[in-house]
């Protein structure tokens, strides 16, 4: 019992000193969209906290966009692409790595976690 109490006290005192951070998964997006929809898709990627890495021309009057986007922001991206490109756009999305979560989003997650505890 003494070891459990010591571990709990050490954890409670050590966590603030360790300066922990929240990590979020980041994925690699490769989207093929028509030239006419290019600006709309680029704007949507930026709105979803994505970073555009590059663009390449593809066959058939379309462009391929390479970007990195947080996985949490991609839940309804397929609907958006289908709507904007009228069903002509496609994309692939794969997990890439973890990155530190922005402070405002980390605080929101922490506040929600504290509400669940109470």
PDB file of N, CA and C in Angstrom:
ATOM      1  N   UNK A   1       0.819  -1.195   0.000  1.00  0.00           N
ATOM      2  CA  UNK A   1       0.000   0.000   0.000  1.00  0.00           C
ATOM      3  C   UNK A   1       0.865   1.261   0.000  1.00  0.00           C
ATOM      4  N   UNK A   2       1.984   1.206   0.703  1.00  0.00           N
ATOM      5  CA  UNK A   2       2.875   2.348   0.769  1.00  0.00           C
ATOM      6  C   UNK A   2       3.457   2.670  -0.610  1.00  0.00           C
ATOM      7  N   UNK A   3       3.751   1.630  -1.401  1.00  0.00           N
ATOM      8  CA  UNK A   3       4.297   1.849  -2.735  1.00  0.00           C
ATOM      9  C   UNK A   3       3.264   2.494  -3.659  1.00  0.00           C
ATOM     10  N   UNK A   4       2.006   2.093  -3.520  1.00  0.00           N
ATOM     11  CA  UNK A   4       0.943   2.694  -4.326  1.00  0.00           C
ATOM     12  C   UNK A   4       0.767   4.173  -3.981  1.00  0.00           C
ATOM     13  N   UNK A   5       0.798   4.476  -2.706  1.00  0.00           N
ATOM     14  CA  UNK A   5       0.663   5.864  -2.276  1.00  0.00           C
ATOM     15  C   UNK A   5       1.847   6.698  -2.764  1.00  0.00           C
ATOM     16  N   UNK A   6       3.054   6.152  -2.648  1.00  0.00           N
ATOM     17  CA  UNK A   6       4.248   6.870  -3.093  1.00  0.00           C
ATOM     18  C   UNK A   6       4.203   7.109  -4.603  1.00  0.00           C
ATOM     19  N   UNK A   7       3.752   6.118  -5.351  1.00  0.00           N
ATOM     20  CA  UNK A   7       3.655   6.262  -6.808  1.00  0.00           C
ATOM     21  C   UNK A   7       2.627   7.331  -7.174  1.00  0.00           C
ATOM     22  N   UNK A   8       1.499   7.346  -6.486  1.00  0.00           N
ATOM     23  CA  UNK A   8       0.463   8.343  -6.776  1.00  0.00           C
ATOM     24  C   UNK A   8       0.956   9.753  -6.485  1.00  0.00           C
ATOM     25  N   UNK A   9       1.659   9.939  -5.381  1.00  0.00           N
ATOM     26  CA  UNK A   9       2.186  11.255  -5.015  1.00  0.00           C
ATOM     27  C   UNK A   9       3.272  11.678  -6.012  1.00  0.00           C
ATOM     28  N   UNK A  10       4.132  10.743  -6.383  1.00  0.00           N
ATOM     29  CA  UNK A  10       5.196  11.058  -7.342  1.00  0.00           C
ATOM     30  C   UNK A  10       4.602  11.436  -8.700  1.00  0.00           C
ATOM     31  N   UNK A  11       3.582  10.737  -9.126  1.00  0.00           N
ATOM     32  CA  UNK A  11       2.935  11.042 -10.404  1.00  0.00           C
ATOM     33  C   UNK A  11       2.284  12.424 -10.350  1.00  0.00           C
ATOM     34  N   UNK A  12       1.551  12.703  -9.284  1.00  0.00           N
ATOM     35  CA  UNK A  12       0.866  13.980  -9.120  1.00  0.00           C
ATOM     36  C   UNK A  12       1.856  15.146  -9.089  1.00  0.00           C
ATOM     37  N   UNK A  13       2.991  14.971  -8.432  1.00  0.00           N
ATOM     38  CA  UNK A  13       3.992  16.033  -8.341  1.00  0.00           C
ATOM     39  C   UNK A  13       4.885  16.104  -9.582  1.00  0.00           C
ATOM     40  N   UNK A  14       5.121  14.989 -10.230  1.00  0.00           N
ATOM     41  CA  UNK A  14       6.045  14.936 -11.356  1.00  0.00           C
ATOM     42  C   UNK A  14       5.459  15.408 -12.674  1.00  0.00           C
ATOM     43  N   UNK A  15       4.175  15.196 -12.889  1.00  0.00           N
ATOM     44  CA  UNK A  15       3.572  15.561 -14.174  1.00  0.00           C
ATOM     45  C   UNK A  15       3.671  17.055 -14.480  1.00  0.00           C
ATOM     46  N   UNK A  16       3.360  17.951 -13.572  1.00  0.00           N
ATOM     47  CA  UNK A  16       3.514  19.375 -13.912  1.00  0.00           C
ATOM     48  C   UNK A  16       4.961  19.773 -14.213  1.00  0.00           C
ATOM     49  N   UNK A  17       5.908  19.138 -13.561  1.00  0.00           N
ATOM     50  CA  UNK A  17       7.311  19.458 -13.789  1.00  0.00           C
ATOM     51  C   UNK A  17       7.812  18.890 -15.110  1.00  0.00           C
ATOM     52  N   UNK A  18       7.177  17.825 -15.599  1.00  0.00           N
ATOM     53  CA  UNK A  18       7.612  17.180 -16.846  1.00  0.00           C
ATOM     54  C   UNK A  18       7.171  17.966 -18.075  1.00  0.00           C
ATOM     55  N   UNK A  19       6.219  18.866 -17.917  1.00  0.00           N
ATOM     56  CA  UNK A  19       5.691  19.664 -19.023  1.00  0.00           C
ATOM     57  C   UNK A  19       5.206  18.771 -20.171  1.00  0.00           C
ATOM     58  N   UNK A  20       4.196  17.939 -19.932  1.00  0.00           N
ATOM     59  CA  UNK A  20       3.697  17.023 -20.967  1.00  0.00           C
ATOM     60  C   UNK A  20       2.973  17.782 -22.085  1.00  0.00           C
ATOM     61  N   UNK A  21       2.933  17.190 -23.265  1.00  0.00           N
ATOM     62  CA  UNK A  21       2.225  17.765 -24.411  1.00  0.00           C
ATOM     63  C   UNK A  21       1.301  16.695 -25.009  1.00  0.00           C
ATOM     64  N   UNK A  22       0.234  17.153 -25.634  1.00  0.00           N
ATOM     65  CA  UNK A  22      -0.653  16.248 -26.349  1.00  0.00           C
ATOM     66  C   UNK A  22      -0.172  16.117 -27.789  1.00  0.00           C
ATOM     67  N   UNK A  23      -0.218  14.902 -28.300  1.00  0.00           N
ATOM     68  CA  UNK A  23       0.156  14.656 -29.685  1.00  0.00           C
ATOM     69  C   UNK A  23      -1.087  14.318 -30.485  1.00  0.00           C
ATOM     70  N   UNK A  24      -1.092  14.711 -31.755  1.00  0.00           N
ATOM     71  CA  UNK A  24      -2.200  14.358 -32.633  1.00  0.00           C
ATOM     72  C   UNK A  24      -1.645  13.679 -33.878  1.00  0.00           C
ATOM     73  N   UNK A  25      -2.392  12.715 -34.423  1.00  0.00           N
ATOM     74  CA  UNK A  25      -1.923  12.031 -35.630  1.00  0.00           C
ATOM     75  C   UNK A  25      -2.042  12.933 -36.856  1.00  0.00           C
ATOM     76  N   UNK A  26      -1.027  12.883 -37.698  1.00  0.00           N
ATOM     77  CA  UNK A  26      -0.980  13.643 -38.944  1.00  0.00           C
ATOM     78  C   UNK A  26      -0.938  12.639 -40.088  1.00  0.00           C
ATOM     79  N   UNK A  27      -1.720  12.912 -41.134  1.00  0.00           N
ATOM     80  CA  UNK A  27      -1.752  12.028 -42.282  1.00  0.00           C
ATOM     81  C   UNK A  27      -1.277  12.723 -43.540  1.00  0.00           C
ATOM     82  N   UNK A  28      -0.879  11.932 -44.523  1.00  0.00           N
ATOM     83  CA  UNK A  28      -0.438  12.447 -45.817  1.00  0.00           C
ATOM     84  C   UNK A  28      -1.611  12.348 -46.788  1.00  0.00           C
ATOM     85  N   UNK A  29      -2.000  13.468 -47.361  1.00  0.00           N
ATOM     86  CA  UNK A  29      -3.118  13.555 -48.295  1.00  0.00           C
ATOM     87  C   UNK A  29      -2.584  13.710 -49.703  1.00  0.00           C
ATOM     88  N   UNK A  30      -3.098  12.886 -50.605  1.00  0.00           N
ATOM     89  CA  UNK A  30      -2.766  13.006 -52.020  1.00  0.00           C
ATOM     90  C   UNK A  30      -4.102  13.074 -52.749  1.00  0.00           C
ATOM     91  N   UNK A  31      -4.455  14.278 -53.228  1.00  0.00           N
ATOM     92  CA  UNK A  31      -5.757  14.501 -53.857  1.00  0.00           C
ATOM     93  C   UNK A  31      -5.573  14.847 -55.325  1.00  0.00           C
ATOM     94  N   UNK A  32      -6.343  14.186 -56.191  1.00  0.00           N
ATOM     95  CA  UNK A  32      -6.366  14.495 -57.621  1.00  0.00           C
ATOM     96  C   UNK A  32      -7.689  15.189 -57.908  1.00  0.00           C
ATOM     97  N   UNK A  33      -7.619  16.470 -58.278  1.00  0.00           N
ATOM     98  CA  UNK A  33      -8.832  17.258 -58.493  1.00  0.00           C
ATOM     99  C   UNK A  33      -8.733  17.997 -59.823  1.00  0.00           C
ATOM    100  N   UNK A  34      -9.885  18.295 -60.446  1.00  0.00           N
ATOM    101  CA  UNK A  34      -9.862  19.082 -61.682  1.00  0.00           C
ATOM    102  C   UNK A  34      -9.303  20.485 -61.429  1.00  0.00           C
ATOM    103  N   UNK A  35      -8.724  21.064 -62.502  1.00  0.00           N
ATOM    104  CA  UNK A  35      -8.145  22.414 -62.397  1.00  0.00           C
ATOM    105  C   UNK A  35      -9.159  23.437 -61.900  1.00  0.00           C
ATOM    106  N   UNK A  36     -10.413  23.282 -62.286  1.00  0.00           N
ATOM    107  CA  UNK A  36     -11.438  24.259 -61.910  1.00  0.00           C
ATOM    108  C   UNK A  36     -11.730  24.254 -60.414  1.00  0.00           C
ATOM    109  N   UNK A  37     -11.457  23.154 -59.728  1.00  0.00           N
ATOM    110  CA  UNK A  37     -11.742  23.033 -58.294  1.00  0.00           C
ATOM    111  C   UNK A  37     -10.513  23.207 -57.423  1.00  0.00           C
ATOM    112  N   UNK A  38      -9.389  23.497 -58.045  1.00  0.00           N
ATOM    113  CA  UNK A  38      -8.119  23.558 -57.329  1.00  0.00           C
ATOM    114  C   UNK A  38      -8.138  24.555 -56.168  1.00  0.00           C
ATOM    115  N   UNK A  39      -8.595  25.763 -56.388  1.00  0.00           N
ATOM    116  CA  UNK A  39      -8.607  26.789 -55.340  1.00  0.00           C
ATOM    117  C   UNK A  39      -9.494  26.424 -54.176  1.00  0.00           C
ATOM    118  N   UNK A  40     -10.655  25.837 -54.449  1.00  0.00           N
ATOM    119  CA  UNK A  40     -11.573  25.439 -53.376  1.00  0.00           C
ATOM    120  C   UNK A  40     -10.959  24.354 -52.493  1.00  0.00           C
ATOM    121  N   UNK A  41     -10.330  23.375 -53.113  1.00  0.00           N
ATOM    122  CA  UNK A  41      -9.728  22.276 -52.347  1.00  0.00           C
ATOM    123  C   UNK A  41      -8.533  22.786 -51.544  1.00  0.00           C
ATOM    124  N   UNK A  42      -7.710  23.643 -52.146  1.00  0.00           N
ATOM    125  CA  UNK A  42      -6.560  24.208 -51.424  1.00  0.00           C
ATOM    126  C   UNK A  42      -7.034  25.012 -50.212  1.00  0.00           C
ATOM    127  N   UNK A  43      -8.067  25.812 -50.391  1.00  0.00           N
ATOM    128  CA  UNK A  43      -8.615  26.583 -49.276  1.00  0.00           C
ATOM    129  C   UNK A  43      -9.145  25.690 -48.174  1.00  0.00           C
ATOM    130  N   UNK A  44      -9.792  24.605 -48.557  1.00  0.00           N
ATOM    131  CA  UNK A  44     -10.336  23.676 -47.558  1.00  0.00           C
ATOM    132  C   UNK A  44      -9.218  22.971 -46.794  1.00  0.00           C
ATOM    133  N   UNK A  45      -8.151  22.609 -47.479  1.00  0.00           N
ATOM    134  CA  UNK A  45      -7.011  21.978 -46.799  1.00  0.00           C
ATOM    135  C   UNK A  45      -6.414  22.945 -45.783  1.00  0.00           C
ATOM    136  N   UNK A  46      -6.248  24.207 -46.155  1.00  0.00           N
ATOM    137  CA  UNK A  46      -5.714  25.208 -45.224  1.00  0.00           C
ATOM    138  C   UNK A  46      -6.669  25.434 -44.060  1.00  0.00           C
ATOM    139  N   UNK A  47      -7.972  25.430 -44.323  1.00  0.00           N
ATOM    140  CA  UNK A  47      -8.969  25.618 -43.269  1.00  0.00           C
ATOM    141  C   UNK A  47      -8.932  24.474 -42.259  1.00  0.00           C
ATOM    142  N   UNK A  48      -8.556  23.308 -42.718  1.00  0.00           N
ATOM    143  CA  UNK A  48      -8.486  22.122 -41.850  1.00  0.00           C
ATOM    144  C   UNK A  48      -7.108  21.970 -41.202  1.00  0.00           C
ATOM    145  N   UNK A  49      -6.359  23.047 -41.110  1.00  0.00           N
ATOM    146  CA  UNK A  49      -5.035  23.085 -40.489  1.00  0.00           C
ATOM    147  C   UNK A  49      -4.006  22.249 -41.245  1.00  0.00           C
ATOM    148  N   UNK A  50      -4.197  22.081 -42.544  1.00  0.00           N
ATOM    149  CA  UNK A  50      -3.275  21.305 -43.356  1.00  0.00           C
ATOM    150  C   UNK A  50      -2.144  22.149 -43.908  1.00  0.00           C
ATOM    151  N   UNK A  51      -1.073  21.487 -44.290  1.00  0.00           N
ATOM    152  CA  UNK A  51       0.071  22.142 -44.931  1.00  0.00           C
ATOM    153  C   UNK A  51       0.232  21.546 -46.324  1.00  0.00           C
ATOM    154  N   UNK A  52       0.123  22.387 -47.327  1.00  0.00           N
ATOM    155  CA  UNK A  52       0.294  21.926 -48.697  1.00  0.00           C
ATOM    156  C   UNK A  52       1.790  21.789 -48.977  1.00  0.00           C
ATOM    157  N   UNK A  53       2.193  20.600 -49.413  1.00  0.00           N
ATOM    158  CA  UNK A  53       3.603  20.333 -49.682  1.00  0.00           C
ATOM    159  C   UNK A  53       3.965  20.565 -51.145  1.00  0.00           C
ATOM    160  N   UNK A  54       2.984  20.428 -52.025  1.00  0.00           N
ATOM    161  CA  UNK A  54       3.277  20.634 -53.435  1.00  0.00           C
ATOM    162  C   UNK A  54       2.097  20.269 -54.315  1.00  0.00           C
ATOM    163  N   UNK A  55       2.232  20.614 -55.593  1.00  0.00           N
ATOM    164  CA  UNK A  55       1.213  20.303 -56.592  1.00  0.00           C
ATOM    165  C   UNK A  55       1.911  19.819 -57.848  1.00  0.00           C
ATOM    166  N   UNK A  56       1.265  18.900 -58.545  1.00  0.00           N
ATOM    167  CA  UNK A  56       1.800  18.379 -59.796  1.00  0.00           C
ATOM    168  C   UNK A  56       0.674  18.295 -60.813  1.00  0.00           C
ATOM    169  N   UNK A  57       0.940  18.643 -62.060  1.00  0.00           N
ATOM    170  CA  UNK A  57      -0.092  18.448 -63.076  1.00  0.00           C
ATOM    171  C   UNK A  57      -0.281  16.956 -63.345  1.00  0.00           C
ATOM    172  N   UNK A  58      -1.512  16.565 -63.558  1.00  0.00           N
ATOM    173  CA  UNK A  58      -1.837  15.175 -63.866  1.00  0.00           C
ATOM    174  C   UNK A  58      -2.567  15.139 -65.209  1.00  0.00           C
ATOM    175  N   UNK A  59      -2.751  13.948 -65.738  1.00  0.00           N
ATOM    176  CA  UNK A  59      -3.409  13.830 -67.036  1.00  0.00           C
ATOM    177  C   UNK A  59      -4.892  14.163 -66.932  1.00  0.00           C
ATOM    178  N   UNK A  60      -5.463  14.573 -68.037  1.00  0.00           N
ATOM    179  CA  UNK A  60      -6.898  14.843 -68.080  1.00  0.00           C
ATOM    180  C   UNK A  60      -7.300  16.188 -67.502  1.00  0.00           C
ATOM    181  N   UNK A  61      -6.406  17.163 -67.458  1.00  0.00           N
ATOM    182  CA  UNK A  61      -6.769  18.477 -66.947  1.00  0.00           C
ATOM    183  C   UNK A  61      -6.998  18.521 -65.452  1.00  0.00           C
ATOM    184  N   UNK A  62      -6.232  17.761 -64.713  1.00  0.00           N
ATOM    185  CA  UNK A  62      -6.370  17.783 -63.255  1.00  0.00           C
ATOM    186  C   UNK A  62      -5.020  18.040 -62.606  1.00  0.00           C
ATOM    187  N   UNK A  63      -5.048  18.280 -61.335  1.00  0.00           N
ATOM    188  CA  UNK A  63      -3.850  18.543 -60.540  1.00  0.00           C
ATOM    189  C   UNK A  63      -3.818  17.557 -59.377  1.00  0.00           C
ATOM    190  N   UNK A  64      -2.618  17.189 -58.957  1.00  0.00           N
ATOM    191  CA  UNK A  64      -2.441  16.340 -57.783  1.00  0.00           C
ATOM    192  C   UNK A  64      -1.847  17.207 -56.676  1.00  0.00           C
ATOM    193  N   UNK A  65      -2.516  17.233 -55.538  1.00  0.00           N
ATOM    194  CA  UNK A  65      -2.084  18.028 -54.389  1.00  0.00           C
ATOM    195  C   UNK A  65      -1.505  17.086 -53.338  1.00  0.00           C
ATOM    196  N   UNK A  66      -0.308  17.392 -52.862  1.00  0.00           N
ATOM    197  CA  UNK A  66       0.289  16.676 -51.733  1.00  0.00           C
ATOM    198  C   UNK A  66       0.203  17.586 -50.518  1.00  0.00           C
ATOM    199  N   UNK A  67      -0.315  17.048 -49.414  1.00  0.00           N
ATOM    200  CA  UNK A  67      -0.459  17.857 -48.208  1.00  0.00           C
ATOM    201  C   UNK A  67      -0.389  16.967 -46.976  1.00  0.00           C
ATOM    202  N   UNK A  68      -0.161  17.594 -45.837  1.00  0.00           N
ATOM    203  CA  UNK A  68      -0.222  16.930 -44.533  1.00  0.00           C
ATOM    204  C   UNK A  68      -1.338  17.577 -43.741  1.00  0.00           C
ATOM    205  N   UNK A  69      -2.257  16.754 -43.231  1.00  0.00           N
ATOM    206  CA  UNK A  69      -3.449  17.251 -42.549  1.00  0.00           C
ATOM    207  C   UNK A  69      -3.658  16.425 -41.282  1.00  0.00           C
ATOM    208  N   UNK A  70      -4.078  17.050 -40.172  1.00  0.00           N
ATOM    209  CA  UNK A  70      -4.418  16.277 -38.979  1.00  0.00           C
ATOM    210  C   UNK A  70      -5.582  15.325 -39.257  1.00  0.00           C
ATOM    211  N   UNK A  71      -5.475  14.121 -38.738  1.00  0.00           N
ATOM    212  CA  UNK A  71      -6.501  13.105 -38.967  1.00  0.00           C
ATOM    213  C   UNK A  71      -7.855  13.563 -38.425  1.00  0.00           C
ATOM    214  N   UNK A  72      -7.858  14.304 -37.329  1.00  0.00           N
ATOM    215  CA  UNK A  72      -9.109  14.760 -36.714  1.00  0.00           C
ATOM    216  C   UNK A  72      -9.905  15.685 -37.634  1.00  0.00           C
ATOM    217  N   UNK A  73      -9.251  16.321 -38.585  1.00  0.00           N
ATOM    218  CA  UNK A  73      -9.916  17.270 -39.475  1.00  0.00           C
ATOM    219  C   UNK A  73     -10.435  16.626 -40.757  1.00  0.00           C
ATOM    220  N   UNK A  74     -10.240  15.335 -40.939  1.00  0.00           N
ATOM    221  CA  UNK A  74     -10.550  14.695 -42.212  1.00  0.00           C
ATOM    222  C   UNK A  74     -11.869  13.920 -42.222  1.00  0.00           C
ATOM    223  N   UNK A  75     -12.680  14.034 -41.196  1.00  0.00           N
ATOM    224  CA  UNK A  75     -13.883  13.202 -41.094  1.00  0.00           C
ATOM    225  C   UNK A  75     -14.861  13.391 -42.239  1.00  0.00           C
ATOM    226  N   UNK A  76     -15.065  14.601 -42.731  1.00  0.00           N
ATOM    227  CA  UNK A  76     -16.036  14.823 -43.804  1.00  0.00           C
ATOM    228  C   UNK A  76     -15.384  15.352 -45.079  1.00  0.00           C
ATOM    229  N   UNK A  77     -14.092  15.110 -45.247  1.00  0.00           N
ATOM    230  CA  UNK A  77     -13.385  15.602 -46.427  1.00  0.00           C
ATOM    231  C   UNK A  77     -13.874  14.923 -47.704  1.00  0.00           C
ATOM    232  N   UNK A  78     -14.213  13.645 -47.633  1.00  0.00           N
ATOM    233  CA  UNK A  78     -14.681  12.948 -48.836  1.00  0.00           C
ATOM    234  C   UNK A  78     -15.969  13.567 -49.367  1.00  0.00           C
ATOM    235  N   UNK A  79     -16.866  13.946 -48.469  1.00  0.00           N
ATOM    236  CA  UNK A  79     -18.109  14.595 -48.885  1.00  0.00           C
ATOM    237  C   UNK A  79     -17.807  15.930 -49.536  1.00  0.00           C
ATOM    238  N   UNK A  80     -16.881  16.683 -48.973  1.00  0.00           N
ATOM    239  CA  UNK A  80     -16.531  17.988 -49.527  1.00  0.00           C
ATOM    240  C   UNK A  80     -15.920  17.844 -50.922  1.00  0.00           C
ATOM    241  N   UNK A  81     -14.994  16.911 -51.090  1.00  0.00           N
ATOM    242  CA  UNK A  81     -14.353  16.712 -52.389  1.00  0.00           C
ATOM    243  C   UNK A  81     -15.388  16.297 -53.432  1.00  0.00           C
ATOM    244  N   UNK A  82     -16.260  15.398 -53.062  1.00  0.00           N
ATOM    245  CA  UNK A  82     -17.297  14.940 -53.993  1.00  0.00           C
ATOM    246  C   UNK A  82     -18.214  16.086 -54.401  1.00  0.00           C
ATOM    247  N   UNK A  83     -18.567  16.924 -53.448  1.00  0.00           N
ATOM    248  CA  UNK A  83     -19.465  18.043 -53.709  1.00  0.00           C
ATOM    249  C   UNK A  83     -18.801  19.093 -54.600  1.00  0.00           C
ATOM    250  N   UNK A  84     -17.586  19.497 -54.278  1.00  0.00           N
ATOM    251  CA  UNK A  84     -16.917  20.576 -55.001  1.00  0.00           C
ATOM    252  C   UNK A  84     -16.510  20.139 -56.410  1.00  0.00           C
ATOM    253  N   UNK A  85     -16.046  18.909 -56.548  1.00  0.00           N
ATOM    254  CA  UNK A  85     -15.559  18.455 -57.854  1.00  0.00           C
ATOM    255  C   UNK A  85     -16.637  17.753 -58.664  1.00  0.00           C
ATOM    256  N   UNK A  86     -17.837  17.702 -58.167  1.00  0.00           N
ATOM    257  CA  UNK A  86     -18.962  17.028 -58.819  1.00  0.00           C
ATOM    258  C   UNK A  86     -18.635  15.565 -59.108  1.00  0.00           C
ATOM    259  N   UNK A  87     -17.974  14.932 -58.167  1.00  0.00           N
ATOM    260  CA  UNK A  87     -17.667  13.513 -58.256  1.00  0.00           C
ATOM    261  C   UNK A  87     -16.433  13.177 -59.070  1.00  0.00           C
ATOM    262  N   UNK A  88     -15.699  14.155 -59.563  1.00  0.00           N
ATOM    263  CA  UNK A  88     -14.525  13.889 -60.395  1.00  0.00           C
ATOM    264  C   UNK A  88     -13.219  13.866 -59.600  1.00  0.00           C
ATOM    265  N   UNK A  89     -13.232  14.292 -58.367  1.00  0.00           N
ATOM    266  CA  UNK A  89     -12.016  14.323 -57.557  1.00  0.00           C
ATOM    267  C   UNK A  89     -11.848  13.054 -56.743  1.00  0.00           C
ATOM    268  N   UNK A  90     -10.606  12.671 -56.529  1.00  0.00           N
ATOM    269  CA  UNK A  90     -10.288  11.519 -55.685  1.00  0.00           C
ATOM    270  C   UNK A  90      -9.170  11.906 -54.723  1.00  0.00           C
ATOM    271  N   UNK A  91      -9.038  11.137 -53.664  1.00  0.00           N
ATOM    272  CA  UNK A  91      -7.925  11.379 -52.754  1.00  0.00           C
ATOM    273  C   UNK A  91      -7.565  10.107 -52.017  1.00  0.00           C
ATOM    274  N   UNK A  92      -6.317  10.072 -51.540  1.00  0.00           N
ATOM    275  CA  UNK A  92      -5.816   9.002 -50.683  1.00  0.00           C
ATOM    276  C   UNK A  92      -5.290   9.663 -49.416  1.00  0.00           C
ATOM    277  N   UNK A  93      -5.513   9.012 -48.293  1.00  0.00           N
ATOM    278  CA  UNK A  93      -5.079   9.574 -47.017  1.00  0.00           C
ATOM    279  C   UNK A  93      -4.488   8.455 -46.175  1.00  0.00           C
ATOM    280  N   UNK A  94      -3.236   8.638 -45.756  1.00  0.00           N
ATOM    281  CA  UNK A  94      -2.528   7.635 -44.961  1.00  0.00           C
ATOM    282  C   UNK A  94      -1.878   8.288 -43.751  1.00  0.00           C
ATOM    283  N   UNK A  95      -1.824   7.535 -42.655  1.00  0.00           N
ATOM    284  CA  UNK A  95      -1.153   8.020 -41.449  1.00  0.00           C
ATOM    285  C   UNK A  95       0.319   8.274 -41.744  1.00  0.00           C
ATOM    286  N   UNK A  96       0.831   9.402 -41.227  1.00  0.00           N
ATOM    287  CA  UNK A  96       2.229   9.773 -41.454  1.00  0.00           C
ATOM    288  C   UNK A  96       3.032   9.729 -40.147  1.00  0.00           C
ATOM    289  N   UNK A  97       2.584  10.484 -39.133  1.00  0.00           N
ATOM    290  CA  UNK A  97       3.332  10.590 -37.868  1.00  0.00           C
ATOM    291  C   UNK A  97       2.468  11.327 -36.845  1.00  0.00           C
ATOM    292  N   UNK A  98       3.040  11.530 -35.662  1.00  0.00           N
ATOM    293  CA  UNK A  98       2.400  12.333 -34.625  1.00  0.00           C
ATOM    294  C   UNK A  98       3.127  13.669 -34.509  1.00  0.00           C
ATOM    295  N   UNK A  99       2.354  14.729 -34.246  1.00  0.00           N
ATOM    296  CA  UNK A  99       2.919  16.050 -33.988  1.00  0.00           C
ATOM    297  C   UNK A  99       2.244  16.641 -32.759  1.00  0.00           C
ATOM    298  N   UNK A 100       2.916  17.626 -32.185  1.00  0.00           N
ATOM    299  CA  UNK A 100       2.347  18.302 -31.023  1.00  0.00           C
ATOM    300  C   UNK A 100       1.066  19.039 -31.422  1.00  0.00           C
ATOM    301  N   UNK A 101       0.062  18.894 -30.585  1.00  0.00           N
ATOM    302  CA  UNK A 101      -1.236  19.523 -30.824  1.00  0.00           C
ATOM    303  C   UNK A 101      -1.134  21.029 -30.550  1.00  0.00           C
ATOM    304  N   UNK A 102      -1.798  21.879 -31.364  1.00  0.00           N
ATOM    305  CA  UNK A 102      -1.779  23.322 -31.080  1.00  0.00           C
ATOM    306  C   UNK A 102      -2.359  23.625 -29.693  1.00  0.00           C
ATOM    307  N   UNK A 103      -1.857  24.672 -29.026  1.00  0.00           N
ATOM    308  CA  UNK A 103      -2.274  24.949 -27.638  1.00  0.00           C
ATOM    309  C   UNK A 103      -3.777  25.128 -27.450  1.00  0.00           C
ATOM    310  N   UNK A 104      -4.470  25.808 -28.372  1.00  0.00           N
ATOM    311  CA  UNK A 104      -5.904  26.034 -28.183  1.00  0.00           C
ATOM    312  C   UNK A 104      -6.688  24.724 -28.288  1.00  0.00           C
ATOM    313  N   UNK A 105      -6.268  23.815 -29.137  1.00  0.00           N
ATOM    314  CA  UNK A 105      -6.962  22.534 -29.262  1.00  0.00           C
ATOM    315  C   UNK A 105      -6.608  21.632 -28.085  1.00  0.00           C
ATOM    316  N   UNK A 106      -5.350  21.673 -27.647  1.00  0.00           N
ATOM    317  CA  UNK A 106      -4.944  20.889 -26.482  1.00  0.00           C
ATOM    318  C   UNK A 106      -5.735  21.327 -25.254  1.00  0.00           C
ATOM    319  N   UNK A 107      -5.925  22.621 -25.082  1.00  0.00           N
ATOM    320  CA  UNK A 107      -6.683  23.114 -23.929  1.00  0.00           C
ATOM    321  C   UNK A 107      -8.139  22.646 -23.998  1.00  0.00           C
ATOM    322  N   UNK A 108      -8.712  22.629 -25.173  1.00  0.00           N
ATOM    323  CA  UNK A 108     -10.090  22.159 -25.348  1.00  0.00           C
ATOM    324  C   UNK A 108     -10.215  20.687 -24.948  1.00  0.00           C
ATOM    325  N   UNK A 109      -9.248  19.865 -25.357  1.00  0.00           N
ATOM    326  CA  UNK A 109      -9.252  18.444 -25.005  1.00  0.00           C
ATOM    327  C   UNK A 109      -9.090  18.266 -23.498  1.00  0.00           C
ATOM    328  N   UNK A 110      -8.205  19.045 -22.891  1.00  0.00           N
ATOM    329  CA  UNK A 110      -7.987  18.960 -21.447  1.00  0.00           C
ATOM    330  C   UNK A 110      -9.257  19.354 -20.684  1.00  0.00           C
ATOM    331  N   UNK A 111      -9.913  20.424 -21.119  1.00  0.00           N
ATOM    332  CA  UNK A 111     -11.141  20.858 -20.456  1.00  0.00           C
ATOM    333  C   UNK A 111     -12.242  19.811 -20.573  1.00  0.00           C
ATOM    334  N   UNK A 112     -12.373  19.181 -21.745  1.00  0.00           N
ATOM    335  CA  UNK A 112     -13.372  18.128 -21.915  1.00  0.00           C
ATOM    336  C   UNK A 112     -13.064  16.929 -21.027  1.00  0.00           C
ATOM    337  N   UNK A 113     -11.783  16.609 -20.884  1.00  0.00           N
ATOM    338  CA  UNK A 113     -11.395  15.488 -20.031  1.00  0.00           C
ATOM    339  C   UNK A 113     -11.707  15.774 -18.564  1.00  0.00           C
ATOM    340  N   UNK A 114     -11.485  17.013 -18.130  1.00  0.00           N
ATOM    341  CA  UNK A 114     -11.790  17.383 -16.754  1.00  0.00           C
ATOM    342  C   UNK A 114     -13.292  17.341 -16.487  1.00  0.00           C
ATOM    343  N   UNK A 115     -14.110  17.707 -17.479  1.00  0.00           N
ATOM    344  CA  UNK A 115     -15.567  17.665 -17.321  1.00  0.00           C
ATOM    345  C   UNK A 115     -16.042  16.222 -17.189  1.00  0.00           C
ATOM    346  N   UNK A 116     -15.424  15.304 -17.920  1.00  0.00           N
ATOM    347  CA  UNK A 116     -15.809  13.893 -17.834  1.00  0.00           C
ATOM    348  C   UNK A 116     -15.467  13.300 -16.477  1.00  0.00           C
ATOM    349  N   UNK A 117     -14.355  13.777 -15.869  1.00  0.00           N
ATOM    350  CA  UNK A 117     -13.960  13.289 -14.556  1.00  0.00           C
ATOM    351  C   UNK A 117     -14.928  13.728 -13.470  1.00  0.00           C
ATOM    352  N   UNK A 118     -15.486  14.919 -13.625  1.00  0.00           N
ATOM    353  CA  UNK A 118     -16.354  15.460 -12.588  1.00  0.00           C
ATOM    354  C   UNK A 118     -17.726  14.839 -12.602  1.00  0.00           C
TER     355      UNK A 118
END
